Amino acid sequence: MVIIKCNNLRQSIDKISPSLLLKVNNEDYSLYYCSTIGITMSLDRLLQHRAAWMRKAVLRHIYLDYFERIRAELEPGKTLELGSGPGIFKEFLAATLSSDVIWSPWLDTVLDATAMPFKKETFANLVLIDVVHHLAQPGLFFQEAIRVLQNRGKIVILDVQITPFSYPVYHFFHQEPVRMKINPLEPSLEQDPDDPFDSNQAITTLLFGSYWTEFQRSFPQLKLRQKKYFSFLNYPLSGGFEHRSFLTMKMYQRLLKVEKLLQPLARLLAFRNLIVLQKQE
């Protein structure tokens, strides 16, 4: 199902009409359209995520820890969150400009991360939480990120980490695929660029692992400032936004202590990563 398809998205769509929306840009004749069925399906999924956030105290604690980690890395100045989904990060950091490729009423704007409607050097920070693994062409995003970031601006990424411990869980129990035998800097032949829910959970693990040297050659302006691995037990046992939780708050607190003891084994056990890139010209 195509939610919002755009051939060359150069401006945000701030409002979706109740019926089929068609807009032709006179400059380049780009076509923008979306189906009301697709929007309804997307909103239903995002509303389910917001409901899970309200219902699952453990999930809130896990993500608030993630948000604190992200905030600690931000530079002073304007922050744009890409792929805001249910809009939770903006509730944590209100000054953030929230965005996504799918319209929802809590967003500030709708845009395509590979063709953002902003001038050069607009932002001090770009935040992507569980977004990079949904990008069919990550290279296009990083090119665009360099354009809209100020010098010394940061890209802060929180995403899936594939390790010997996390792989079977993500591969067998998660609805999104794990494709390790691809070059993440080349356009994906298996991932639909018009479906924002299509994904490959291995993308960040590959980009900042076995393809890091190639990434550096492609984007020499982006310097790696942080690469952290964490979340060994609590995150998978929480069930995330889609599944039931196996944790009580007491169990969560106890497992936090266990995770601290296991930190030296993070490269083998982690389910999550935090990647911080800084533009330096």
Protein backbone atom coordinates (compact mmCIF):
# COMPACT_ATOMS: atom_id res chain seq x y z
CA MET A 1 0.00 0.00 0.00
CA VAL A 2 1.44 3.37 -1.02
CA ILE A 3 0.79 5.87 1.75
CA ILE A 4 2.36 8.95 0.22
CA LYS A 5 4.28 8.65 -3.01
CA CYS A 6 6.34 11.52 -4.34
CA ASN A 7 8.63 11.66 -7.33
CA ASN A 8 10.47 14.79 -6.22
CA LEU A 9 9.22 16.12 -2.92
CA ARG A 10 10.52 19.69 -2.52
CA GLN A 11 7.93 21.15 -0.21
CA SER A 12 5.99 19.86 2.76
CA ILE A 13 2.40 18.73 2.62
CA ASP A 14 0.86 20.30 5.68
CA LYS A 15 -2.69 19.13 5.18
CA ILE A 16 -4.25 16.09 3.56
CA SER A 17 -7.72 16.50 2.08
CA PRO A 18 -10.41 13.93 2.95
CA SER A 19 -10.47 12.71 -0.65
CA LEU A 20 -7.70 11.91 -3.10
CA LEU A 21 -5.22 14.77 -3.15
CA LEU A 22 -3.49 15.68 -6.38
CA LYS A 23 -1.02 18.52 -6.72
CA VAL A 24 1.15 19.38 -9.67
CA ASN A 25 4.21 21.52 -9.06
CA ASN A 26 4.51 23.95 -12.00
CA GLU A 27 8.29 24.07 -11.73
CA ASP A 28 9.13 20.42 -12.21
CA TYR A 29 5.72 18.78 -12.69
CA SER A 30 6.26 16.49 -9.75
CA LEU A 31 3.20 14.51 -8.79
CA TYR A 32 2.05 14.20 -5.21
CA TYR A 33 -0.75 11.90 -4.26
CA CYS A 34 -2.02 9.84 -1.39
CA SER A 35 -4.93 7.52 -0.80
CA THR A 36 -7.32 8.01 2.07
CA ILE A 37 -7.25 4.24 2.66
CA GLY A 38 -3.49 4.32 3.02
CA ILE A 39 -3.60 7.27 5.41
CA THR A 40 -6.23 5.55 7.54
CA MET A 41 -4.13 2.39 7.76
CA SER A 42 -1.04 4.41 8.70
CA LEU A 43 -2.85 6.46 11.32
CA ASP A 44 -4.33 3.31 12.82
CA ARG A 45 -0.85 1.86 13.25
CA LEU A 46 0.56 5.07 14.72
CA LEU A 47 -2.41 5.41 17.08
CA GLN A 48 -1.76 1.84 18.24
CA HIS A 49 1.82 2.86 18.99
CA ARG A 50 0.65 5.89 20.97
CA ALA A 51 -1.75 3.65 22.89
CA ALA A 52 1.07 1.19 23.65
CA TRP A 53 3.17 4.11 24.90
CA MET A 54 0.43 5.13 27.34
CA ARG A 55 -0.30 1.56 28.42
CA LYS A 56 3.22 0.16 28.90
CA ALA A 57 5.17 1.87 31.69
CA VAL A 58 8.26 -0.25 31.02
CA LEU A 59 8.32 0.84 27.37
CA ARG A 60 8.17 4.49 28.44
CA HIS A 61 11.12 4.02 30.79
CA ILE A 62 13.16 2.32 28.06
CA TYR A 63 12.52 5.04 25.51
CA LEU A 64 12.99 7.88 27.98
CA ASP A 65 16.47 6.47 28.57
CA TYR A 66 17.00 6.50 24.79
CA PHE A 67 15.77 10.09 24.58
CA GLU A 68 18.14 11.19 27.33
CA ARG A 69 21.02 9.58 25.46
CA ILE A 70 20.02 11.49 22.31
CA ARG A 71 19.56 14.82 24.10
CA ALA A 72 23.04 14.52 25.61
CA GLU A 73 24.51 14.48 22.08
CA LEU A 74 22.64 17.46 20.61
CA GLU A 75 24.28 20.72 19.60
CA PRO A 76 22.63 24.06 20.53
CA GLY A 77 20.26 25.20 17.79
CA LYS A 78 17.38 23.94 15.68
CA THR A 79 16.60 20.22 15.79
CA LEU A 80 14.65 18.32 13.13
CA GLU A 81 13.35 14.85 13.87
CA LEU A 82 12.83 12.70 10.79
CA GLY A 83 10.39 9.81 10.85
CA SER A 84 8.62 11.04 13.98
CA GLY A 85 5.93 8.36 13.73
CA PRO A 86 3.72 8.56 16.84
CA GLY A 87 5.30 11.90 17.80
CA ILE A 88 6.69 10.84 21.17
CA PHE A 89 10.15 12.45 20.99
CA LYS A 90 8.63 15.91 20.53
CA GLU A 91 6.70 15.43 23.77
CA PHE A 92 10.07 14.86 25.42
CA LEU A 93 11.87 17.73 23.64
CA ALA A 94 9.21 20.26 22.69
CA ALA A 95 11.50 22.53 20.64
CA THR A 96 12.01 19.75 18.09
CA LEU A 97 10.50 20.14 14.62
CA SER A 98 8.71 16.82 14.03
CA SER A 99 8.28 15.35 10.56
CA ASP A 100 7.46 12.20 8.66
CA VAL A 101 6.64 11.03 5.15
CA ILE A 102 3.17 10.04 6.42
CA TRP A 103 0.69 12.70 7.55
CA SER A 104 -0.62 12.65 11.11
CA PRO A 105 -2.25 15.41 13.15
CA TRP A 106 0.56 15.72 15.72
CA LEU A 107 3.33 16.41 13.18
CA ASP A 108 4.78 19.82 12.36
CA THR A 109 5.38 18.94 8.71
CA VAL A 110 5.43 16.15 6.13
CA LEU A 111 8.55 15.66 4.02
CA ASP A 112 10.87 13.26 2.25
CA ALA A 113 14.18 12.80 4.09
CA THR A 114 16.02 12.51 0.76
CA ALA A 115 14.72 15.86 -0.59
CA MET A 116 14.03 18.18 2.35
CA PRO A 117 12.30 21.53 1.73
CA PHE A 118 14.86 23.58 3.66
CA LYS A 119 17.71 25.94 2.80
CA LYS A 120 21.34 24.99 3.21
CA GLU A 121 22.71 24.86 6.75
CA THR A 122 19.31 25.22 8.43
CA PHE A 123 19.68 22.74 11.31
CA ALA A 124 22.10 22.07 14.15
CA ASN A 125 20.75 18.52 14.60
CA LEU A 126 18.92 15.80 12.71
CA VAL A 127 17.42 13.05 14.90
CA LEU A 128 16.36 9.67 13.51
CA ILE A 129 14.83 7.13 15.89
CA ASP A 130 14.20 3.75 14.22
CA VAL A 131 14.23 5.45 10.82
CA VAL A 132 17.45 4.63 8.96
CA HIS A 133 16.51 0.97 8.55
CA HIS A 134 13.39 2.14 6.66
CA LEU A 135 15.38 4.10 4.05
CA ALA A 136 15.58 2.34 0.69
CA GLN A 137 18.48 4.63 -0.32
CA PRO A 138 20.36 5.74 2.81
CA GLY A 139 23.07 7.36 0.69
CA LEU A 140 20.60 9.91 -0.68
CA PHE A 141 19.61 10.82 2.86
CA PHE A 142 23.18 11.41 4.01
CA GLN A 143 23.85 13.63 0.98
CA GLU A 144 20.78 15.68 1.85
CA ALA A 145 21.69 15.75 5.53
CA ILE A 146 25.06 17.32 4.69
CA ARG A 147 23.23 20.03 2.74
CA VAL A 148 20.75 21.04 5.48
CA LEU A 149 23.14 20.68 8.43
CA GLN A 150 25.16 23.59 9.72
CA ASN A 151 28.91 23.11 10.03
CA ARG A 152 29.52 21.02 13.18
CA GLY A 153 25.86 20.00 13.11
CA LYS A 154 25.02 16.42 14.11
CA ILE A 155 23.07 13.45 12.85
CA VAL A 156 21.93 11.45 15.87
CA ILE A 157 20.70 7.96 15.02
CA LEU A 158 19.10 5.41 17.33
CA ASP A 159 18.38 2.16 15.57
CA VAL A 160 18.51 -1.64 15.47
CA GLN A 161 21.82 -3.38 16.18
CA ILE A 162 22.27 -6.88 14.79
CA THR A 163 24.49 -9.03 17.02
CA PRO A 164 24.83 -12.79 17.54
CA PHE A 165 22.34 -12.46 20.42
CA SER A 166 19.83 -10.10 18.78
CA TYR A 167 19.82 -11.64 15.31
CA PRO A 168 17.54 -14.64 16.02
CA VAL A 169 15.06 -12.42 17.87
CA TYR A 170 14.86 -9.84 15.09
CA HIS A 171 14.91 -12.48 12.36
CA PHE A 172 12.33 -14.91 13.74
CA PHE A 173 10.11 -12.78 16.00
CA HIS A 174 10.01 -9.35 14.37
CA GLN A 175 7.79 -8.46 11.41
CA GLU A 176 10.58 -6.59 9.60
CA PRO A 177 13.27 -8.49 7.63
CA VAL A 178 17.01 -8.71 8.40
CA ARG A 179 19.04 -8.73 5.16
CA MET A 180 22.77 -8.85 5.89
CA LYS A 181 23.96 -9.65 2.35
CA ILE A 182 23.41 -6.21 0.80
CA ASN A 183 25.43 -3.07 0.26
CA PRO A 184 23.52 -0.41 2.26
CA LEU A 185 25.04 2.40 0.19
CA GLU A 186 23.47 1.09 -3.01
CA PRO A 187 19.74 1.42 -3.83
CA SER A 188 17.89 -1.58 -2.44
CA LEU A 189 16.25 -3.85 -4.99
CA GLU A 190 14.24 -5.59 -2.28
CA GLN A 191 12.97 -2.51 -0.43
CA ASP A 192 10.05 -0.52 -1.84
CA PRO A 193 10.98 3.22 -1.76
CA ASP A 194 7.28 4.12 -1.92
CA ASP A 195 6.35 2.10 1.18
CA PRO A 196 7.53 3.91 4.35
CA PHE A 197 6.96 0.77 6.42
CA ASP A 198 9.21 -1.41 4.29
CA SER A 199 12.60 -1.96 5.89
CA ASN A 200 15.81 -3.86 6.44
CA GLN A 201 16.76 -4.01 10.11
CA ALA A 202 20.42 -4.63 9.25
CA ILE A 203 21.04 -1.22 7.63
CA THR A 204 22.73 0.66 10.50
CA THR A 205 24.72 -2.40 11.57
CA LEU A 206 26.10 -2.63 8.03
CA LEU A 207 26.63 1.10 7.46
CA PHE A 208 28.65 1.60 10.62
CA GLY A 209 30.23 -1.82 10.63
CA SER A 210 31.49 -3.67 7.56
CA TYR A 211 30.70 -0.75 5.19
CA TRP A 212 32.15 2.00 7.36
CA THR A 213 35.25 2.51 5.20
CA GLU A 214 33.08 2.90 2.10
CA PHE A 215 30.79 5.27 4.03
CA GLN A 216 33.78 7.46 4.96
CA ARG A 217 34.88 7.62 1.32
CA SER A 218 31.37 8.57 0.22
CA PHE A 219 30.74 11.16 2.95
CA PRO A 220 34.10 12.54 4.16
CA GLN A 221 32.35 15.55 5.74
CA LEU A 222 30.64 13.29 8.29
CA LYS A 223 32.86 12.35 11.24
CA LEU A 224 31.89 9.58 13.65
CA ARG A 225 31.64 11.01 17.17
CA GLN A 226 29.82 8.19 18.97
CA LYS A 227 29.02 4.56 18.37
CA LYS A 228 27.41 2.87 21.35
CA TYR A 229 25.75 -0.53 21.75
CA PHE A 230 23.22 -1.23 24.51
CA SER A 231 19.81 -2.74 25.44
CA PHE A 232 20.44 -6.45 25.93
CA LEU A 233 17.42 -7.72 27.89
CA ASN A 234 14.84 -5.10 28.78
CA TYR A 235 14.10 -3.96 25.25
CA PRO A 236 13.30 -7.39 23.74
CA LEU A 237 11.37 -8.46 26.84
CA SER A 238 9.29 -5.27 26.72
CA GLY A 239 7.70 -6.42 23.47
CA GLY A 240 8.27 -2.98 21.95
CA PHE A 241 5.23 -1.25 20.46
CA GLU A 242 3.83 -4.33 18.73
CA HIS A 243 3.88 -7.20 21.24
CA ARG A 244 2.97 -7.92 24.85
CA SER A 245 5.49 -7.19 27.57
CA PHE A 246 7.05 -9.89 29.74
CA LEU A 247 8.37 -7.34 32.25
CA THR A 248 7.14 -5.81 35.45
CA MET A 249 8.73 -2.59 36.69
CA LYS A 250 10.59 -4.56 39.38
CA MET A 251 12.01 -6.92 36.78
CA TYR A 252 12.98 -3.95 34.62
CA GLN A 253 14.94 -2.33 37.45
CA ARG A 254 16.74 -5.58 38.27
CA LEU A 255 17.64 -6.23 34.65
CA LEU A 256 19.11 -2.74 34.35
CA LYS A 257 21.74 -3.84 36.86
CA VAL A 258 22.36 -7.02 34.89
CA GLU A 259 22.76 -5.02 31.67
CA LYS A 260 25.39 -2.82 33.31
CA LEU A 261 27.37 -5.92 34.26
CA LEU A 262 27.08 -7.22 30.70
CA GLN A 263 28.18 -3.96 29.04
CA PRO A 264 31.67 -5.32 28.18
CA LEU A 265 29.86 -7.86 25.95
CA ALA A 266 27.80 -5.19 24.17
CA ARG A 267 29.11 -6.04 20.70
CA LEU A 268 27.78 -9.57 21.14
CA LEU A 269 24.51 -8.85 22.96
CA ALA A 270 23.15 -5.42 22.00
CA PHE A 271 19.74 -4.89 20.43
CA ARG A 272 20.20 -1.13 19.93
CA ASN A 273 22.82 1.32 18.75
CA LEU A 274 23.39 5.04 19.08
CA ILE A 275 25.34 6.59 16.20
CA VAL A 276 26.43 10.24 16.23
CA LEU A 277 27.88 11.84 13.11
CA GLN A 278 29.12 15.43 12.96
CA LYS A 279 29.47 17.54 9.85
CA GLN A 280 32.92 19.02 9.60
CA GLU A 281 34.04 20.96 6.54
